PDB file of N, CA and C in Angstrom:
ATOM      1  N   MET A   1      26.292  52.019  13.358  1.00  0.00           N
ATOM      2  CA  MET A   1      27.005  52.633  14.465  1.00  0.00           C
ATOM      3  C   MET A   1      27.658  51.541  15.301  1.00  0.00           C
ATOM      4  N   LEU A   2      28.878  51.755  15.710  1.00  0.00           N
ATOM      5  CA  LEU A   2      29.639  50.791  16.490  1.00  0.00           C
ATOM      6  C   LEU A   2      29.230  50.854  17.948  1.00  0.00           C
ATOM      7  N   ASP A   3      28.879  49.712  18.507  1.00  0.00           N
ATOM      8  CA  ASP A   3      28.519  49.635  19.918  1.00  0.00           C
ATOM      9  C   ASP A   3      29.801  49.680  20.731  1.00  0.00           C
ATOM     10  N   ARG A   4      29.925  50.662  21.626  1.00  0.00           N
ATOM     11  CA  ARG A   4      31.157  50.803  22.380  1.00  0.00           C
ATOM     12  C   ARG A   4      31.389  49.663  23.354  1.00  0.00           C
ATOM     13  N   HIS A   5      30.361  48.855  23.602  1.00  0.00           N
ATOM     14  CA  HIS A   5      30.505  47.715  24.500  1.00  0.00           C
ATOM     15  C   HIS A   5      30.905  46.442  23.759  1.00  0.00           C
ATOM     16  N   MET A   6      30.799  46.474  22.442  1.00  0.00           N
ATOM     17  CA  MET A   6      31.219  45.326  21.650  1.00  0.00           C
ATOM     18  C   MET A   6      32.711  45.403  21.420  1.00  0.00           C
ATOM     19  N   PRO A   7      33.426  44.308  21.670  1.00  0.00           N
ATOM     20  CA  PRO A   7      34.869  44.340  21.400  1.00  0.00           C
ATOM     21  C   PRO A   7      35.130  44.436  19.906  1.00  0.00           C
ATOM     22  N   THR A   8      36.130  45.217  19.546  1.00  0.00           N
ATOM     23  CA  THR A   8      36.507  45.266  18.140  1.00  0.00           C
ATOM     24  C   THR A   8      37.440  44.099  17.861  1.00  0.00           C
ATOM     25  N   ARG A   9      37.405  43.612  16.672  1.00  0.00           N
ATOM     26  CA  ARG A   9      38.211  42.464  16.313  1.00  0.00           C
ATOM     27  C   ARG A   9      39.565  42.926  15.802  1.00  0.00           C
ATOM     28  N   HIS A  10      40.593  42.353  16.363  1.00  0.00           N
ATOM     29  CA  HIS A  10      41.949  42.679  15.941  1.00  0.00           C
ATOM     30  C   HIS A  10      42.348  41.779  14.788  1.00  0.00           C
ATOM     31  N   ILE A  11      42.920  42.370  13.765  1.00  0.00           N
ATOM     32  CA  ILE A  11      43.457  41.587  12.656  1.00  0.00           C
ATOM     33  C   ILE A  11      44.910  41.298  13.005  1.00  0.00           C
ATOM     34  N   PRO A  12      45.239  40.008  13.239  1.00  0.00           N
ATOM     35  CA  PRO A  12      46.586  39.665  13.699  1.00  0.00           C
ATOM     36  C   PRO A  12      47.649  39.878  12.633  1.00  0.00           C
ATOM     37  N   GLY A  13      48.862  40.000  13.121  1.00  0.00           N
ATOM     38  CA  GLY A  13      49.982  39.984  12.207  1.00  0.00           C
ATOM     39  C   GLY A  13      50.707  41.286  11.986  1.00  0.00           C
ATOM     40  N   MET A  14      50.351  42.352  12.693  1.00  0.00           N
ATOM     41  CA  MET A  14      51.083  43.618  12.534  1.00  0.00           C
ATOM     42  C   MET A  14      52.362  43.514  13.340  1.00  0.00           C
ATOM     43  N   THR A  15      53.470  43.458  12.652  1.00  0.00           N
ATOM     44  CA  THR A  15      54.748  43.407  13.355  1.00  0.00           C
ATOM     45  C   THR A  15      55.207  44.817  13.678  1.00  0.00           C
ATOM     46  N   LEU A  16      56.117  44.914  14.605  1.00  0.00           N
ATOM     47  CA  LEU A  16      56.681  46.213  14.939  1.00  0.00           C
ATOM     48  C   LEU A  16      57.386  46.807  13.722  1.00  0.00           C
ATOM     49  N   GLU A  17      58.075  45.981  12.972  1.00  0.00           N
ATOM     50  CA  GLU A  17      58.754  46.451  11.757  1.00  0.00           C
ATOM     51  C   GLU A  17      57.743  47.033  10.762  1.00  0.00           C
ATOM     52  N   GLN A  18      56.607  46.351  10.581  1.00  0.00           N
ATOM     53  CA  GLN A  18      55.573  46.863   9.674  1.00  0.00           C
ATOM     54  C   GLN A  18      55.017  48.194  10.183  1.00  0.00           C
ATOM     55  N   TRP A  19      54.797  48.274  11.492  1.00  0.00           N
ATOM     56  CA  TRP A  19      54.258  49.500  12.070  1.00  0.00           C
ATOM     57  C   TRP A  19      55.225  50.663  11.833  1.00  0.00           C
ATOM     58  N   LEU A  20      56.506  50.425  12.057  1.00  0.00           N
ATOM     59  CA  LEU A  20      57.504  51.471  11.839  1.00  0.00           C
ATOM     60  C   LEU A  20      57.491  51.939  10.388  1.00  0.00           C
ATOM     61  N   ARG A  21      57.468  50.984   9.473  1.00  0.00           N
ATOM     62  CA  ARG A  21      57.470  51.313   8.041  1.00  0.00           C
ATOM     63  C   ARG A  21      56.198  52.076   7.662  1.00  0.00           C
ATOM     64  N   ASP A  22      55.039  51.581   8.111  1.00  0.00           N
ATOM     65  CA  ASP A  22      53.765  52.221   7.774  1.00  0.00           C
ATOM     66  C   ASP A  22      53.655  53.634   8.344  1.00  0.00           C
ATOM     67  N   ASN A  23      54.327  53.875   9.461  1.00  0.00           N
ATOM     68  CA  ASN A  23      54.237  55.167  10.124  1.00  0.00           C
ATOM     69  C   ASN A  23      55.459  56.058   9.900  1.00  0.00           C
ATOM     70  N   GLY A  24      56.378  55.602   9.058  1.00  0.00           N
ATOM     71  CA  GLY A  24      57.543  56.399   8.707  1.00  0.00           C
ATOM     72  C   GLY A  24      58.439  56.730   9.894  1.00  0.00           C
ATOM     73  N   LYS A  25      58.560  55.786  10.820  1.00  0.00           N
ATOM     74  CA  LYS A  25      59.371  56.000  12.024  1.00  0.00           C
ATOM     75  C   LYS A  25      60.625  55.135  11.976  1.00  0.00           C
ATOM     76  N   THR A  26      61.709  55.674  12.509  1.00  0.00           N
ATOM     77  CA  THR A  26      62.932  54.889  12.657  1.00  0.00           C
ATOM     78  C   THR A  26      62.891  54.173  14.006  1.00  0.00           C
ATOM     79  N   GLN A  27      63.792  53.237  14.182  1.00  0.00           N
ATOM     80  CA  GLN A  27      63.892  52.558  15.473  1.00  0.00           C
ATOM     81  C   GLN A  27      64.221  53.554  16.578  1.00  0.00           C
ATOM     82  N   SER A  28      65.077  54.505  16.297  1.00  0.00           N
ATOM     83  CA  SER A  28      65.445  55.515  17.291  1.00  0.00           C
ATOM     84  C   SER A  28      64.256  56.393  17.662  1.00  0.00           C
ATOM     85  N   GLU A  29      63.473  56.779  16.677  1.00  0.00           N
ATOM     86  CA  GLU A  29      62.280  57.580  16.953  1.00  0.00           C
ATOM     87  C   GLU A  29      61.284  56.790  17.794  1.00  0.00           C
ATOM     88  N   PHE A  30      61.123  55.512  17.457  1.00  0.00           N
ATOM     89  CA  PHE A  30      60.190  54.682  18.222  1.00  0.00           C
ATOM     90  C   PHE A  30      60.697  54.479  19.647  1.00  0.00           C
ATOM     91  N   ALA A  31      61.992  54.345  19.797  1.00  0.00           N
ATOM     92  CA  ALA A  31      62.560  54.209  21.142  1.00  0.00           C
ATOM     93  C   ALA A  31      62.192  55.427  21.982  1.00  0.00           C
ATOM     94  N   GLU A  32      62.292  56.598  21.400  1.00  0.00           N
ATOM     95  CA  GLU A  32      61.937  57.827  22.115  1.00  0.00           C
ATOM     96  C   GLU A  32      60.440  57.868  22.442  1.00  0.00           C
ATOM     97  N   ILE A  33      59.611  57.484  21.485  1.00  0.00           N
ATOM     98  CA  ILE A  33      58.156  57.483  21.676  1.00  0.00           C
ATOM     99  C   ILE A  33      57.745  56.495  22.766  1.00  0.00           C
ATOM    100  N   SER A  34      58.348  55.316  22.736  1.00  0.00           N
ATOM    101  CA  SER A  34      57.934  54.225  23.628  1.00  0.00           C
ATOM    102  C   SER A  34      58.629  54.245  24.982  1.00  0.00           C
ATOM    103  N   GLY A  35      59.756  54.942  25.067  1.00  0.00           N
ATOM    104  CA  GLY A  35      60.526  54.930  26.310  1.00  0.00           C
ATOM    105  C   GLY A  35      61.441  53.722  26.436  1.00  0.00           C
ATOM    106  N   LEU A  36      61.558  52.952  25.363  1.00  0.00           N
ATOM    107  CA  LEU A  36      62.454  51.792  25.348  1.00  0.00           C
ATOM    108  C   LEU A  36      63.781  52.214  24.730  1.00  0.00           C
ATOM    109  N   ASP A  37      64.806  51.389  24.900  1.00  0.00           N
ATOM    110  CA  ASP A  37      66.075  51.729  24.256  1.00  0.00           C
ATOM    111  C   ASP A  37      66.133  51.122  22.852  1.00  0.00           C
ATOM    112  N   GLN A  38      66.903  51.764  21.999  1.00  0.00           N
ATOM    113  CA  GLN A  38      66.976  51.350  20.597  1.00  0.00           C
ATOM    114  C   GLN A  38      67.487  49.922  20.418  1.00  0.00           C
ATOM    115  N   PRO A  39      68.481  49.452  21.193  1.00  0.00           N
ATOM    116  CA  PRO A  39      68.907  48.061  21.026  1.00  0.00           C
ATOM    117  C   PRO A  39      67.779  47.040  21.300  1.00  0.00           C
ATOM    118  N   THR A  40      66.893  47.365  22.225  1.00  0.00           N
ATOM    119  CA  THR A  40      65.746  46.478  22.491  1.00  0.00           C
ATOM    120  C   THR A  40      64.833  46.418  21.278  1.00  0.00           C
ATOM    121  N   ILE A  41      64.552  47.575  20.689  1.00  0.00           N
ATOM    122  CA  ILE A  41      63.713  47.636  19.487  1.00  0.00           C
ATOM    123  C   ILE A  41      64.366  46.842  18.361  1.00  0.00           C
ATOM    124  N   SER A  42      65.647  47.059  18.160  1.00  0.00           N
ATOM    125  CA  SER A  42      66.378  46.367  17.111  1.00  0.00           C
ATOM    126  C   SER A  42      66.337  44.853  17.297  1.00  0.00           C
ATOM    127  N   ARG A  43      66.540  44.408  18.520  1.00  0.00           N
ATOM    128  CA  ARG A  43      66.538  42.968  18.816  1.00  0.00           C
ATOM    129  C   ARG A  43      65.163  42.351  18.539  1.00  0.00           C
ATOM    130  N   LEU A  44      64.101  43.053  18.913  1.00  0.00           N
ATOM    131  CA  LEU A  44      62.755  42.538  18.678  1.00  0.00           C
ATOM    132  C   LEU A  44      62.448  42.424  17.190  1.00  0.00           C
ATOM    133  N   ILE A  45      62.989  43.333  16.397  1.00  0.00           N
ATOM    134  CA  ILE A  45      62.775  43.291  14.952  1.00  0.00           C
ATOM    135  C   ILE A  45      63.669  42.240  14.294  1.00  0.00           C
ATOM    136  N   ARG A  46      64.915  42.183  14.711  1.00  0.00           N
ATOM    137  CA  ARG A  46      65.891  41.260  14.117  1.00  0.00           C
ATOM    138  C   ARG A  46      65.612  39.803  14.475  1.00  0.00           C
ATOM    139  N   GLU A  47      65.165  39.575  15.695  1.00  0.00           N
ATOM    140  CA  GLU A  47      64.962  38.206  16.192  1.00  0.00           C
ATOM    141  C   GLU A  47      63.563  38.045  16.776  1.00  0.00           C
ATOM    142  N   PRO A  48      62.527  38.206  15.936  1.00  0.00           N
ATOM    143  CA  PRO A  48      61.175  38.101  16.476  1.00  0.00           C
ATOM    144  C   PRO A  48      60.919  36.711  17.052  1.00  0.00           C
ATOM    145  N   HIS A  49      60.252  36.685  18.160  1.00  0.00           N
ATOM    146  CA  HIS A  49      59.836  35.447  18.840  1.00  0.00           C
ATOM    147  C   HIS A  49      61.003  34.647  19.418  1.00  0.00           C
ATOM    148  N   LYS A  50      62.238  35.129  19.297  1.00  0.00           N
ATOM    149  CA  LYS A  50      63.369  34.387  19.857  1.00  0.00           C
ATOM    150  C   LYS A  50      63.419  34.547  21.370  1.00  0.00           C
ATOM    151  N   ARG A  51      63.283  35.781  21.806  1.00  0.00           N
ATOM    152  CA  ARG A  51      63.240  36.064  23.239  1.00  0.00           C
ATOM    153  C   ARG A  51      61.891  36.661  23.566  1.00  0.00           C
ATOM    154  N   LYS A  52      61.380  36.309  24.702  1.00  0.00           N
ATOM    155  CA  LYS A  52      60.092  36.834  25.129  1.00  0.00           C
ATOM    156  C   LYS A  52      60.315  38.079  25.979  1.00  0.00           C
ATOM    157  N   PRO A  53      59.886  39.234  25.486  1.00  0.00           N
ATOM    158  CA  PRO A  53      60.074  40.465  26.243  1.00  0.00           C
ATOM    159  C   PRO A  53      59.215  40.486  27.499  1.00  0.00           C
ATOM    160  N   GLY A  54      59.630  41.265  28.469  1.00  0.00           N
ATOM    161  CA  GLY A  54      58.875  41.391  29.704  1.00  0.00           C
ATOM    162  C   GLY A  54      57.619  42.229  29.515  1.00  0.00           C
ATOM    163  N   TRP A  55      56.789  42.219  30.558  1.00  0.00           N
ATOM    164  CA  TRP A  55      55.522  42.932  30.519  1.00  0.00           C
ATOM    165  C   TRP A  55      55.730  44.426  30.256  1.00  0.00           C
ATOM    166  N   ASP A  56      56.769  45.010  30.826  1.00  0.00           N
ATOM    167  CA  ASP A  56      57.019  46.438  30.640  1.00  0.00           C
ATOM    168  C   ASP A  56      57.305  46.771  29.177  1.00  0.00           C
ATOM    169  N   VAL A  57      58.041  45.903  28.501  1.00  0.00           N
ATOM    170  CA  VAL A  57      58.343  46.114  27.077  1.00  0.00           C
ATOM    171  C   VAL A  57      57.077  45.928  26.245  1.00  0.00           C
ATOM    172  N   LEU A  58      56.328  44.874  26.531  1.00  0.00           N
ATOM    173  CA  LEU A  58      55.085  44.624  25.789  1.00  0.00           C
ATOM    174  C   LEU A  58      54.122  45.799  25.908  1.00  0.00           C
ATOM    175  N   THR A  59      53.895  46.252  27.133  1.00  0.00           N
ATOM    176  CA  THR A  59      52.935  47.340  27.321  1.00  0.00           C
ATOM    177  C   THR A  59      53.431  48.638  26.678  1.00  0.00           C
ATOM    178  N   ALA A  60      54.724  48.895  26.706  1.00  0.00           N
ATOM    179  CA  ALA A  60      55.259  50.103  26.079  1.00  0.00           C
ATOM    180  C   ALA A  60      55.012  50.085  24.567  1.00  0.00           C
ATOM    181  N   ILE A  61      55.195  48.935  23.938  1.00  0.00           N
ATOM    182  CA  ILE A  61      54.978  48.825  22.489  1.00  0.00           C
ATOM    183  C   ILE A  61      53.504  48.950  22.153  1.00  0.00           C
ATOM    184  N   VAL A  62      52.657  48.254  22.894  1.00  0.00           N
ATOM    185  CA  VAL A  62      51.209  48.328  22.638  1.00  0.00           C
ATOM    186  C   VAL A  62      50.724  49.768  22.793  1.00  0.00           C
ATOM    187  N   ARG A  63      51.148  50.436  23.835  1.00  0.00           N
ATOM    188  CA  ARG A  63      50.723  51.830  24.056  1.00  0.00           C
ATOM    189  C   ARG A  63      51.260  52.762  22.975  1.00  0.00           C
ATOM    190  N   ALA A  64      52.523  52.601  22.618  1.00  0.00           N
ATOM    191  CA  ALA A  64      53.147  53.493  21.634  1.00  0.00           C
ATOM    192  C   ALA A  64      52.547  53.318  20.241  1.00  0.00           C
ATOM    193  N   THR A  65      52.001  52.139  19.958  1.00  0.00           N
ATOM    194  CA  THR A  65      51.396  51.884  18.642  1.00  0.00           C
ATOM    195  C   THR A  65      49.871  52.010  18.691  1.00  0.00           C
ATOM    196  N   ASP A  66      49.349  52.516  19.791  1.00  0.00           N
ATOM    197  CA  ASP A  66      47.893  52.637  19.983  1.00  0.00           C
ATOM    198  C   ASP A  66      47.182  51.308  19.756  1.00  0.00           C
ATOM    199  N   GLY A  67      47.840  50.222  20.178  1.00  0.00           N
ATOM    200  CA  GLY A  67      47.235  48.896  20.082  1.00  0.00           C
ATOM    201  C   GLY A  67      47.312  48.249  18.718  1.00  0.00           C
ATOM    202  N   LYS A  68      47.963  48.903  17.771  1.00  0.00           N
ATOM    203  CA  LYS A  68      48.084  48.308  16.420  1.00  0.00           C
ATOM    204  C   LYS A  68      48.998  47.081  16.441  1.00  0.00           C
ATOM    205  N   VAL A  69      50.026  47.125  17.271  1.00  0.00           N
ATOM    206  CA  VAL A  69      50.881  45.956  17.505  1.00  0.00           C
ATOM    207  C   VAL A  69      50.511  45.462  18.900  1.00  0.00           C
ATOM    208  N   THR A  70      50.008  44.234  18.966  1.00  0.00           N
ATOM    209  CA  THR A  70      49.551  43.690  20.237  1.00  0.00           C
ATOM    210  C   THR A  70      50.614  42.803  20.875  1.00  0.00           C
ATOM    211  N   ALA A  71      50.393  42.474  22.141  1.00  0.00           N
ATOM    212  CA  ALA A  71      51.285  41.535  22.822  1.00  0.00           C
ATOM    213  C   ALA A  71      51.298  40.202  22.082  1.00  0.00           C
ATOM    214  N   ASN A  72      50.144  39.763  21.591  1.00  0.00           N
ATOM    215  CA  ASN A  72      50.086  38.508  20.834  1.00  0.00           C
ATOM    216  C   ASN A  72      50.930  38.587  19.576  1.00  0.00           C
ATOM    217  N   ASP A  73      50.910  39.731  18.902  1.00  0.00           N
ATOM    218  CA  ASP A  73      51.737  39.906  17.698  1.00  0.00           C
ATOM    219  C   ASP A  73      53.220  39.792  18.052  1.00  0.00           C
ATOM    220  N   ILE A  74      53.609  40.427  19.145  1.00  0.00           N
ATOM    221  CA  ILE A  74      55.014  40.423  19.550  1.00  0.00           C
ATOM    222  C   ILE A  74      55.460  39.024  19.962  1.00  0.00           C
ATOM    223  N   LEU A  75      54.585  38.319  20.665  1.00  0.00           N
ATOM    224  CA  LEU A  75      54.922  36.986  21.173  1.00  0.00           C
ATOM    225  C   LEU A  75      54.686  35.876  20.155  1.00  0.00           C
ATOM    226  N   GLY A  76      54.034  36.208  19.029  1.00  0.00           N
ATOM    227  CA  GLY A  76      53.772  35.200  18.004  1.00  0.00           C
ATOM    228  C   GLY A  76      52.643  34.263  18.360  1.00  0.00           C
ATOM    229  N   ILE A  77      51.680  34.749  19.133  1.00  0.00           N
ATOM    230  CA  ILE A  77      50.541  33.933  19.550  1.00  0.00           C
ATOM    231  C   ILE A  77      49.397  34.151  18.575  1.00  0.00           C
ATOM    232  N   GLU A  78      48.950  33.076  17.969  1.00  0.00           N
ATOM    233  CA  GLU A  78      47.826  33.150  17.046  1.00  0.00           C
ATOM    234  C   GLU A  78      46.525  33.200  17.828  1.00  0.00           C
ATOM    235  N   PRO A  79      45.541  33.970  17.363  1.00  0.00           N
ATOM    236  CA  PRO A  79      44.259  34.014  18.060  1.00  0.00           C
ATOM    237  C   PRO A  79      43.532  32.672  17.947  1.00  0.00           C
ATOM    238  N   LEU A  80      42.665  32.426  18.901  1.00  0.00           N
ATOM    239  CA  LEU A  80      41.856  31.212  18.849  1.00  0.00           C
ATOM    240  C   LEU A  80      40.912  31.285  17.653  1.00  0.00           C
ATOM    241  N   ALA A  81      40.705  30.173  17.009  1.00  0.00           N
ATOM    242  CA  ALA A  81      39.817  30.131  15.854  1.00  0.00           C
ATOM    243  C   ALA A  81      38.372  30.290  16.319  1.00  0.00           C
ATOM    244  N   ASP A  82      37.594  31.033  15.542  1.00  0.00           N
ATOM    245  CA  ASP A  82      36.165  31.172  15.815  1.00  0.00           C
ATOM    246  C   ASP A  82      35.473  29.887  15.392  1.00  0.00           C
ATOM    247  N   ASP A  83      34.530  29.458  16.208  1.00  0.00           N
ATOM    248  CA  ASP A  83      33.759  28.249  15.832  1.00  0.00           C
ATOM    249  C   ASP A  83      32.485  28.608  15.151  1.00  0.00           C
TER     250      ASP A  83
END
């Protein structure tokens, strides 16, 4: 049984493009789900890590993907190595 107080471990590397493909969503559909505009979604997919999106964009993506795509994934931040 999973302890609800134990943090679950995130497996890094889920890109927004992968999430869209895995969930059968278009950029336009995701824009509607997330409340973001389609050009923003397109830019994040076309030029990952080139521009750093603001907190509002990050939180909208994390919420719309139920945490499957994290802020670290969007920003290209690798998790700290376990010792």
